[in-house]
PDB file of N, CA and C in Angstrom:
ATOM      1  N   MET A   1      90.128 109.067  93.041  1.00  0.00           N
ATOM      2  CA  MET A   1      91.575 108.461  92.907  1.00  0.00           C
ATOM      3  C   MET A   1      91.872 108.062  94.556  1.00  0.00           C
ATOM      4  N   ALA A   2      92.094 106.812  94.547  1.00  0.00           N
ATOM      5  CA  ALA A   2      92.697 106.349  95.681  1.00  0.00           C
ATOM      6  C   ALA A   2      93.900 106.692  96.171  1.00  0.00           C
ATOM      7  N   ARG A   3      94.476 107.016  97.379  1.00  0.00           N
ATOM      8  CA  ARG A   3      95.769 107.360  97.702  1.00  0.00           C
ATOM      9  C   ARG A   3      96.339 106.094  98.097  1.00  0.00           C
ATOM     10  N   THR A   4      97.723 106.044  97.817  1.00  0.00           N
ATOM     11  CA  THR A   4      98.615 105.043  98.205  1.00  0.00           C
ATOM     12  C   THR A   4      99.804 105.567  99.024  1.00  0.00           C
ATOM     13  N   ARG A   5     100.317 104.283  99.628  1.00  0.00           N
ATOM     14  CA  ARG A   5     101.513 104.748 100.622  1.00  0.00           C
ATOM     15  C   ARG A   5     102.720 103.936  99.774  1.00  0.00           C
ATOM     16  N   LYS A   6     103.758 104.506  99.405  1.00  0.00           N
ATOM     17  CA  LYS A   6     104.878 104.104  98.934  1.00  0.00           C
ATOM     18  C   LYS A   6     105.686 103.391  99.900  1.00  0.00           C
ATOM     19  N   ILE A   7     105.891 101.932  99.511  1.00  0.00           N
ATOM     20  CA  ILE A   7     106.765 101.272 100.570  1.00  0.00           C
ATOM     21  C   ILE A   7     107.780 100.719  99.723  1.00  0.00           C
ATOM     22  N   GLU A   8     109.039 101.006 100.211  1.00  0.00           N
ATOM     23  CA  GLU A   8     110.432 100.524  99.389  1.00  0.00           C
ATOM     24  C   GLU A   8     111.182  99.701 100.173  1.00  0.00           C
ATOM     25  N   ILE A   9     111.472  98.452  99.977  1.00  0.00           N
ATOM     26  CA  ILE A   9     112.310  97.454 100.635  1.00  0.00           C
ATOM     27  C   ILE A   9     113.829  97.419  99.853  1.00  0.00           C
ATOM     28  N   PHE A  10     114.728  98.036 100.669  1.00  0.00           N
ATOM     29  CA  PHE A  10     116.087  97.996 100.144  1.00  0.00           C
ATOM     30  C   PHE A  10     116.618  96.639 100.503  1.00  0.00           C
ATOM     31  N   SER A  11     117.001  95.598  99.609  1.00  0.00           N
ATOM     32  CA  SER A  11     117.337  94.396  99.745  1.00  0.00           C
ATOM     33  C   SER A  11     118.735  94.101  99.036  1.00  0.00           C
ATOM     34  N   ALA A  12     119.364  92.811  99.467  1.00  0.00           N
ATOM     35  CA  ALA A  12     120.487  92.286  98.658  1.00  0.00           C
ATOM     36  C   ALA A  12     120.076  90.867  98.250  1.00  0.00           C
ATOM     37  N   GLU A  13     118.995  90.641  98.536  1.00  0.00           N
ATOM     38  CA  GLU A  13     118.443  89.099  98.086  1.00  0.00           C
ATOM     39  C   GLU A  13     118.751  88.335  99.052  1.00  0.00           C
ATOM     40  N   CYS A  14     119.138  88.411 100.283  1.00  0.00           N
ATOM     41  CA  CYS A  14     119.849  87.435 101.171  1.00  0.00           C
ATOM     42  C   CYS A  14     118.567  87.141 101.879  1.00  0.00           C
ATOM     43  N   PRO A  15     118.982  85.849 102.571  1.00  0.00           N
ATOM     44  CA  PRO A  15     117.642  85.346 103.524  1.00  0.00           C
ATOM     45  C   PRO A  15     117.050  86.360 104.478  1.00  0.00           C
ATOM     46  N   TYR A  16     117.843  87.176 104.994  1.00  0.00           N
ATOM     47  CA  TYR A  16     117.286  88.165 105.973  1.00  0.00           C
ATOM     48  C   TYR A  16     116.371  89.093 105.147  1.00  0.00           C
ATOM     49  N   CYS A  17     116.787  89.519 104.030  1.00  0.00           N
ATOM     50  CA  CYS A  17     116.156  90.541 103.250  1.00  0.00           C
ATOM     51  C   CYS A  17     114.800  89.663 102.795  1.00  0.00           C
ATOM     52  N   GLU A  18     114.889  88.646 102.260  1.00  0.00           N
ATOM     53  CA  GLU A  18     113.674  87.774 101.967  1.00  0.00           C
ATOM     54  C   GLU A  18     112.646  87.630 102.990  1.00  0.00           C
ATOM     55  N   SER A  19     112.953  87.661 104.410  1.00  0.00           N
ATOM     56  CA  SER A  19     112.168  87.556 105.424  1.00  0.00           C
ATOM     57  C   SER A  19     111.386  88.776 105.486  1.00  0.00           C
ATOM     58  N   ALA A  20     112.081  89.986 105.232  1.00  0.00           N
ATOM     59  CA  ALA A  20     111.490  91.366 105.359  1.00  0.00           C
ATOM     60  C   ALA A  20     110.658  91.473 104.367  1.00  0.00           C
ATOM     61  N   VAL A  21     110.848  91.140 103.156  1.00  0.00           N
ATOM     62  CA  VAL A  21     109.900  91.114 102.146  1.00  0.00           C
ATOM     63  C   VAL A  21     108.717  90.415 102.228  1.00  0.00           C
ATOM     64  N   GLN A  22     108.705  89.302 102.768  1.00  0.00           N
ATOM     65  CA  GLN A  22     107.645  88.382 103.169  1.00  0.00           C
ATOM     66  C   GLN A  22     106.931  89.141 104.310  1.00  0.00           C
ATOM     67  N   LEU A  23     107.525  89.662 105.346  1.00  0.00           N
ATOM     68  CA  LEU A  23     106.560  90.445 106.311  1.00  0.00           C
ATOM     69  C   LEU A  23     105.889  91.447 105.807  1.00  0.00           C
ATOM     70  N   VAL A  24     106.484  92.264 104.985  1.00  0.00           N
ATOM     71  CA  VAL A  24     105.743  93.489 104.459  1.00  0.00           C
ATOM     72  C   VAL A  24     104.723  92.949 103.338  1.00  0.00           C
ATOM     73  N   ASP A  25     104.606  91.730 102.616  1.00  0.00           N
ATOM     74  CA  ASP A  25     103.663  91.171 101.828  1.00  0.00           C
ATOM     75  C   ASP A  25     102.640  90.839 102.838  1.00  0.00           C
ATOM     76  N   GLU A  26     102.859  90.209 103.948  1.00  0.00           N
ATOM     77  CA  GLU A  26     102.038  89.697 105.012  1.00  0.00           C
ATOM     78  C   GLU A  26     101.053  90.970 105.499  1.00  0.00           C
ATOM     79  N   LEU A  27     101.642  92.166 105.671  1.00  0.00           N
ATOM     80  CA  LEU A  27     101.278  93.430 106.451  1.00  0.00           C
ATOM     81  C   LEU A  27     100.612  94.279 105.326  1.00  0.00           C
ATOM     82  N   LYS A  28     100.889  94.289 104.180  1.00  0.00           N
ATOM     83  CA  LYS A  28     100.479  95.351 103.385  1.00  0.00           C
ATOM     84  C   LYS A  28      98.868  95.330 103.008  1.00  0.00           C
ATOM     85  N   CYS A  29      98.331  96.647 102.605  1.00  0.00           N
ATOM     86  CA  CYS A  29      97.038  96.562 102.604  1.00  0.00           C
ATOM     87  C   CYS A  29      96.943  97.288 101.028  1.00  0.00           C
ATOM     88  N   ASP A  30      95.622  97.345 100.789  1.00  0.00           N
ATOM     89  CA  ASP A  30      95.279  97.889  99.406  1.00  0.00           C
ATOM     90  C   ASP A  30      95.900  99.417  99.105  1.00  0.00           C
ATOM     91  N   SER A  31      96.145 100.143 100.177  1.00  0.00           N
ATOM     92  CA  SER A  31      96.946 101.370 100.046  1.00  0.00           C
ATOM     93  C   SER A  31      98.265 101.364  99.961  1.00  0.00           C
ATOM     94  N   CYS A  32      98.906  99.998  99.908  1.00  0.00           N
ATOM     95  CA  CYS A  32     100.267 100.054 100.083  1.00  0.00           C
ATOM     96  C   CYS A  32     100.732  99.605  98.553  1.00  0.00           C
ATOM     97  N   GLU A  33     101.832 100.320  98.065  1.00  0.00           N
ATOM     98  CA  GLU A  33     102.555 100.010  96.762  1.00  0.00           C
ATOM     99  C   GLU A  33     103.895  99.528  97.095  1.00  0.00           C
ATOM    100  N   VAL A  34     104.126  98.619  96.967  1.00  0.00           N
ATOM    101  CA  VAL A  34     105.327  98.036  97.575  1.00  0.00           C
ATOM    102  C   VAL A  34     106.519  97.699  96.183  1.00  0.00           C
ATOM    103  N   GLN A  35     107.542  98.112  96.484  1.00  0.00           N
ATOM    104  CA  GLN A  35     108.700  97.883  95.380  1.00  0.00           C
ATOM    105  C   GLN A  35     109.956  97.498  96.380  1.00  0.00           C
ATOM    106  N   VAL A  36     110.659  96.227  95.570  1.00  0.00           N
ATOM    107  CA  VAL A  36     111.876  95.742  96.477  1.00  0.00           C
ATOM    108  C   VAL A  36     112.981  96.295  95.348  1.00  0.00           C
ATOM    109  N   LEU A  37     113.839  96.851  96.100  1.00  0.00           N
ATOM    110  CA  LEU A  37     114.871  97.241  95.335  1.00  0.00           C
ATOM    111  C   LEU A  37     116.223  96.738  95.731  1.00  0.00           C
ATOM    112  N   ASP A  38     116.999  96.417  94.822  1.00  0.00           N
ATOM    113  CA  ASP A  38     118.368  95.930  95.094  1.00  0.00           C
ATOM    114  C   ASP A  38     119.354  96.795  95.186  1.00  0.00           C
ATOM    115  N   VAL A  39     120.118  96.679  96.374  1.00  0.00           N
ATOM    116  CA  VAL A  39     121.076  97.814  96.742  1.00  0.00           C
ATOM    117  C   VAL A  39     122.326  97.628  95.989  1.00  0.00           C
ATOM    118  N   ARG A  40     122.482  96.323  95.294  1.00  0.00           N
ATOM    119  CA  ARG A  40     123.859  96.037  94.640  1.00  0.00           C
ATOM    120  C   ARG A  40     123.908  96.785  93.372  1.00  0.00           C
ATOM    121  N   ASP A  41     122.590  97.445  93.035  1.00  0.00           N
ATOM    122  CA  ASP A  41     122.583  98.457  91.800  1.00  0.00           C
ATOM    123  C   ASP A  41     123.036  99.873  92.328  1.00  0.00           C
ATOM    124  N   GLU A  42     124.017 100.360  92.176  1.00  0.00           N
ATOM    125  CA  GLU A  42     124.532 101.697  92.480  1.00  0.00           C
ATOM    126  C   GLU A  42     123.680 102.770  92.479  1.00  0.00           C
ATOM    127  N   SER A  43     122.816 102.865  91.665  1.00  0.00           N
ATOM    128  CA  SER A  43     121.835 103.994  91.808  1.00  0.00           C
ATOM    129  C   SER A  43     120.614 103.697  92.891  1.00  0.00           C
ATOM    130  N   VAL A  44     120.586 102.522  93.190  1.00  0.00           N
ATOM    131  CA  VAL A  44     119.518 102.164  94.400  1.00  0.00           C
ATOM    132  C   VAL A  44     120.427 102.239  95.613  1.00  0.00           C
ATOM    133  N   ALA A  45     121.545 102.065  95.545  1.00  0.00           N
ATOM    134  CA  ALA A  45     122.448 102.235  97.075  1.00  0.00           C
ATOM    135  C   ALA A  45     122.536 103.677  97.149  1.00  0.00           C
ATOM    136  N   LYS A  46     122.720 104.546  96.213  1.00  0.00           N
ATOM    137  CA  LYS A  46     122.857 105.829  96.456  1.00  0.00           C
ATOM    138  C   LYS A  46     121.586 106.509  96.928  1.00  0.00           C
ATOM    139  N   ARG A  47     120.461 106.041  96.569  1.00  0.00           N
ATOM    140  CA  ARG A  47     119.049 106.588  97.190  1.00  0.00           C
ATOM    141  C   ARG A  47     119.009 105.948  98.511  1.00  0.00           C
ATOM    142  N   ALA A  48     119.335 104.635  98.826  1.00  0.00           N
ATOM    143  CA  ALA A  48     119.348 104.286 100.117  1.00  0.00           C
ATOM    144  C   ALA A  48     120.300 105.143 101.111  1.00  0.00           C
ATOM    145  N   ARG A  49     121.393 105.301 100.726  1.00  0.00           N
ATOM    146  CA  ARG A  49     122.093 106.255 101.493  1.00  0.00           C
ATOM    147  C   ARG A  49     121.631 107.701 101.852  1.00  0.00           C
ATOM    148  N   ALA A  50     120.886 108.135 100.850  1.00  0.00           N
ATOM    149  CA  ALA A  50     120.297 109.460 100.787  1.00  0.00           C
ATOM    150  C   ALA A  50     119.161 109.518 101.903  1.00  0.00           C
ATOM    151  N   LEU A  51     118.430 108.400 101.895  1.00  0.00           N
ATOM    152  CA  LEU A  51     117.392 108.192 102.953  1.00  0.00           C
ATOM    153  C   LEU A  51     117.698 107.678 104.235  1.00  0.00           C
ATOM    154  N   GLY A  52     119.101 107.474 104.640  1.00  0.00           N
ATOM    155  CA  GLY A  52     119.589 107.225 105.815  1.00  0.00           C
ATOM    156  C   GLY A  52     119.733 105.792 106.046  1.00  0.00           C
ATOM    157  N   VAL A  53     119.655 104.929 105.059  1.00  0.00           N
ATOM    158  CA  VAL A  53     119.961 103.572 105.179  1.00  0.00           C
ATOM    159  C   VAL A  53     121.318 103.223 105.567  1.00  0.00           C
ATOM    160  N   THR A  54     121.477 102.461 106.717  1.00  0.00           N
ATOM    161  CA  THR A  54     122.718 101.948 107.089  1.00  0.00           C
ATOM    162  C   THR A  54     123.096 100.618 106.948  1.00  0.00           C
ATOM    163  N   SER A  55     121.930  99.902 107.011  1.00  0.00           N
ATOM    164  CA  SER A  55     121.966  98.249 106.960  1.00  0.00           C
ATOM    165  C   SER A  55     120.829  97.728 106.409  1.00  0.00           C
ATOM    166  N   ILE A  56     120.945  96.624 105.868  1.00  0.00           N
ATOM    167  CA  ILE A  56     119.708  95.927 105.081  1.00  0.00           C
ATOM    168  C   ILE A  56     119.524  94.769 105.787  1.00  0.00           C
ATOM    169  N   PRO A  57     118.101  94.293 105.701  1.00  0.00           N
ATOM    170  CA  PRO A  57     117.003  94.870 104.837  1.00  0.00           C
ATOM    171  C   PRO A  57     116.633  96.311 105.649  1.00  0.00           C
ATOM    172  N   ALA A  58     116.000  96.954 104.851  1.00  0.00           N
ATOM    173  CA  ALA A  58     115.563  98.265 105.256  1.00  0.00           C
ATOM    174  C   ALA A  58     114.163  98.526 104.461  1.00  0.00           C
ATOM    175  N   VAL A  59     113.348  99.229 105.355  1.00  0.00           N
ATOM    176  CA  VAL A  59     111.971  99.657 104.900  1.00  0.00           C
ATOM    177  C   VAL A  59     111.743 101.120 104.832  1.00  0.00           C
ATOM    178  N   VAL A  60     111.505 101.717 103.768  1.00  0.00           N
ATOM    179  CA  VAL A  60     111.264 103.158 103.634  1.00  0.00           C
ATOM    180  C   VAL A  60     109.768 103.328 103.253  1.00  0.00           C
ATOM    181  N   VAL A  61     109.093 104.166 104.252  1.00  0.00           N
ATOM    182  CA  VAL A  61     107.686 104.477 103.837  1.00  0.00           C
ATOM    183  C   VAL A  61     107.308 105.968 103.447  1.00  0.00           C
ATOM    184  N   ASP A  62     106.874 106.091 102.188  1.00  0.00           N
ATOM    185  CA  ASP A  62     106.711 107.519 101.717  1.00  0.00           C
ATOM    186  C   ASP A  62     107.957 108.370 101.955  1.00  0.00           C
ATOM    187  N   SER A  63     109.188 107.802 101.533  1.00  0.00           N
ATOM    188  CA  SER A  63     110.356 108.547 101.736  1.00  0.00           C
ATOM    189  C   SER A  63     111.074 108.726 103.097  1.00  0.00           C
ATOM    190  N   VAL A  64     110.480 107.925 104.060  1.00  0.00           N
ATOM    191  CA  VAL A  64     110.867 108.054 105.537  1.00  0.00           C
ATOM    192  C   VAL A  64     111.475 106.505 105.869  1.00  0.00           C
ATOM    193  N   LEU A  65     112.569 106.367 106.554  1.00  0.00           N
ATOM    194  CA  LEU A  65     113.022 105.121 106.940  1.00  0.00           C
ATOM    195  C   LEU A  65     112.302 104.806 108.119  1.00  0.00           C
ATOM    196  N   ALA A  66     111.760 103.607 108.199  1.00  0.00           N
ATOM    197  CA  ALA A  66     111.011 103.156 109.462  1.00  0.00           C
ATOM    198  C   ALA A  66     111.939 102.886 110.573  1.00  0.00           C
ATOM    199  N   ASP A  67     111.368 103.654 111.718  1.00  0.00           N
ATOM    200  CA  ASP A  67     112.266 103.619 112.969  1.00  0.00           C
ATOM    201  C   ASP A  67     112.664 102.295 113.188  1.00  0.00           C
ATOM    202  N   CYS A  68     112.023 101.253 113.059  1.00  0.00           N
ATOM    203  CA  CYS A  68     112.754  99.917 113.562  1.00  0.00           C
ATOM    204  C   CYS A  68     113.995  99.798 112.627  1.00  0.00           C
ATOM    205  N   CYS A  69     114.017 100.345 111.490  1.00  0.00           N
ATOM    206  CA  CYS A  69     115.356  99.965 110.549  1.00  0.00           C
ATOM    207  C   CYS A  69     116.283 100.803 110.869  1.00  0.00           C
ATOM    208  N   ARG A  70     116.060 101.875 111.745  1.00  0.00           N
ATOM    209  CA  ARG A  70     117.171 102.777 112.207  1.00  0.00           C
ATOM    210  C   ARG A  70     117.943 101.949 113.531  1.00  0.00           C
ATOM    211  N   SER A  71     117.196 100.980 114.169  1.00  0.00           N
ATOM    212  CA  SER A  71     118.022 100.347 115.239  1.00  0.00           C
ATOM    213  C   SER A  71     117.555  98.932 115.588  1.00  0.00           C
ATOM    214  N   GLY A  72     117.979  98.130 114.793  1.00  0.00           N
ATOM    215  CA  GLY A  72     117.922  96.720 115.060  1.00  0.00           C
ATOM    216  C   GLY A  72     117.210  95.908 114.080  1.00  0.00           C
ATOM    217  N   GLY A  73     116.319  96.399 113.206  1.00  0.00           N
ATOM    218  CA  GLY A  73     115.910  95.497 112.112  1.00  0.00           C
ATOM    219  C   GLY A  73     114.301  95.755 112.162  1.00  0.00           C
ATOM    220  N   VAL A  74     113.759  95.011 111.076  1.00  0.00           N
ATOM    221  CA  VAL A  74     112.423  94.923 110.421  1.00  0.00           C
ATOM    222  C   VAL A  74     111.669  94.269 111.465  1.00  0.00           C
ATOM    223  N   THR A  75     110.743  95.002 111.959  1.00  0.00           N
ATOM    224  CA  THR A  75     109.743  94.245 112.883  1.00  0.00           C
ATOM    225  C   THR A  75     108.270  94.647 112.432  1.00  0.00           C
ATOM    226  N   THR A  76     107.343  93.660 112.977  1.00  0.00           N
ATOM    227  CA  THR A  76     105.936  94.002 112.523  1.00  0.00           C
ATOM    228  C   THR A  76     105.351  95.187 113.315  1.00  0.00           C
ATOM    229  N   ALA A  77     105.914  95.429 114.532  1.00  0.00           N
ATOM    230  CA  ALA A  77     105.531  96.587 115.312  1.00  0.00           C
ATOM    231  C   ALA A  77     105.845  97.912 114.704  1.00  0.00           C
ATOM    232  N   GLY A  78     107.013  97.784 114.235  1.00  0.00           N
ATOM    233  CA  GLY A  78     108.088  99.091 113.533  1.00  0.00           C
ATOM    234  C   GLY A  78     107.206  99.312 112.351  1.00  0.00           C
ATOM    235  N   LEU A  79     106.940  98.395 111.535  1.00  0.00           N
ATOM    236  CA  LEU A  79     106.318  98.511 110.233  1.00  0.00           C
ATOM    237  C   LEU A  79     105.066  99.004 110.370  1.00  0.00           C
ATOM    238  N   ARG A  80     104.060  98.646 111.313  1.00  0.00           N
ATOM    239  CA  ARG A  80     102.683  99.076 111.525  1.00  0.00           C
ATOM    240  C   ARG A  80     102.781 100.616 112.007  1.00  0.00           C
ATOM    241  N   ALA A  81     103.578 100.847 112.792  1.00  0.00           N
ATOM    242  CA  ALA A  81     104.107 102.171 113.194  1.00  0.00           C
ATOM    243  C   ALA A  81     104.511 103.383 112.158  1.00  0.00           C
ATOM    244  N   ALA A  82     104.869 102.699 111.050  1.00  0.00           N
ATOM    245  CA  ALA A  82     105.462 103.471 109.901  1.00  0.00           C
ATOM    246  C   ALA A  82     104.076 103.674 108.950  1.00  0.00           C
ATOM    247  N   GLY A  83     103.135 102.650 109.094  1.00  0.00           N
ATOM    248  CA  GLY A  83     101.932 102.870 108.327  1.00  0.00           C
ATOM    249  C   GLY A  83     101.900 101.612 107.422  1.00  0.00           C
ATOM    250  N   VAL A  84     102.665 100.781 107.447  1.00  0.00           N
ATOM    251  CA  VAL A  84     102.382  99.559 106.652  1.00  0.00           C
ATOM    252  C   VAL A  84     101.350  98.702 106.984  1.00  0.00           C
ATOM    253  N   GLY A  85     100.253  98.605 106.130  1.00  0.00           N
ATOM    254  CA  GLY A  85      99.047  97.810 106.241  1.00  0.00           C
ATOM    255  C   GLY A  85      97.930  98.621 106.868  1.00  0.00           C
ATOM    256  N   VAL A  86      98.148 100.019 106.985  1.00  0.00           N
ATOM    257  CA  VAL A  86      97.215 100.777 107.724  1.00  0.00           C
ATOM    258  C   VAL A  86      96.503 101.552 106.530  1.00  0.00           C
ATOM    259  N   SER A  87      95.169 101.333 106.131  1.00  0.00           N
ATOM    260  CA  SER A  87      94.582 101.852 104.892  1.00  0.00           C
ATOM    261  C   SER A  87      94.333 103.402 105.153  1.00  0.00           C
ATOM    262  N   LEU A  88      94.452 103.913 103.860  1.00  0.00           N
ATOM    263  CA  LEU A  88      94.500 105.406 103.791  1.00  0.00           C
ATOM    264  C   LEU A  88      93.069 105.767 103.258  1.00  0.00           C
ATOM    265  N   ALA A  89      92.221 104.912 103.226  1.00  0.00           N
ATOM    266  CA  ALA A  89      90.792 104.953 102.364  1.00  0.00           C
ATOM    267  C   ALA A  89      89.770 105.598 103.706  1.00  0.00           C
TER     268      ALA A  89
END
């Protein structure tokens, strides 16, 4: 069975969030399982807070907030460093 990397994108469906979703979609690989989660849903917002999300968009990889999302926003380099698009095979 192939391993997967769980990628959660916390979004409010704004243009900035849509850009982050598009970037993750461009970078993802076969090992990436992507979910877009709407923080306007209170249960999603609660999970986001528990993971340390303080602004959106934010990307969490295997339950760890990507470093780029801690300081300045979603970046290609930050997502790659978090493992997005890096095959587990």
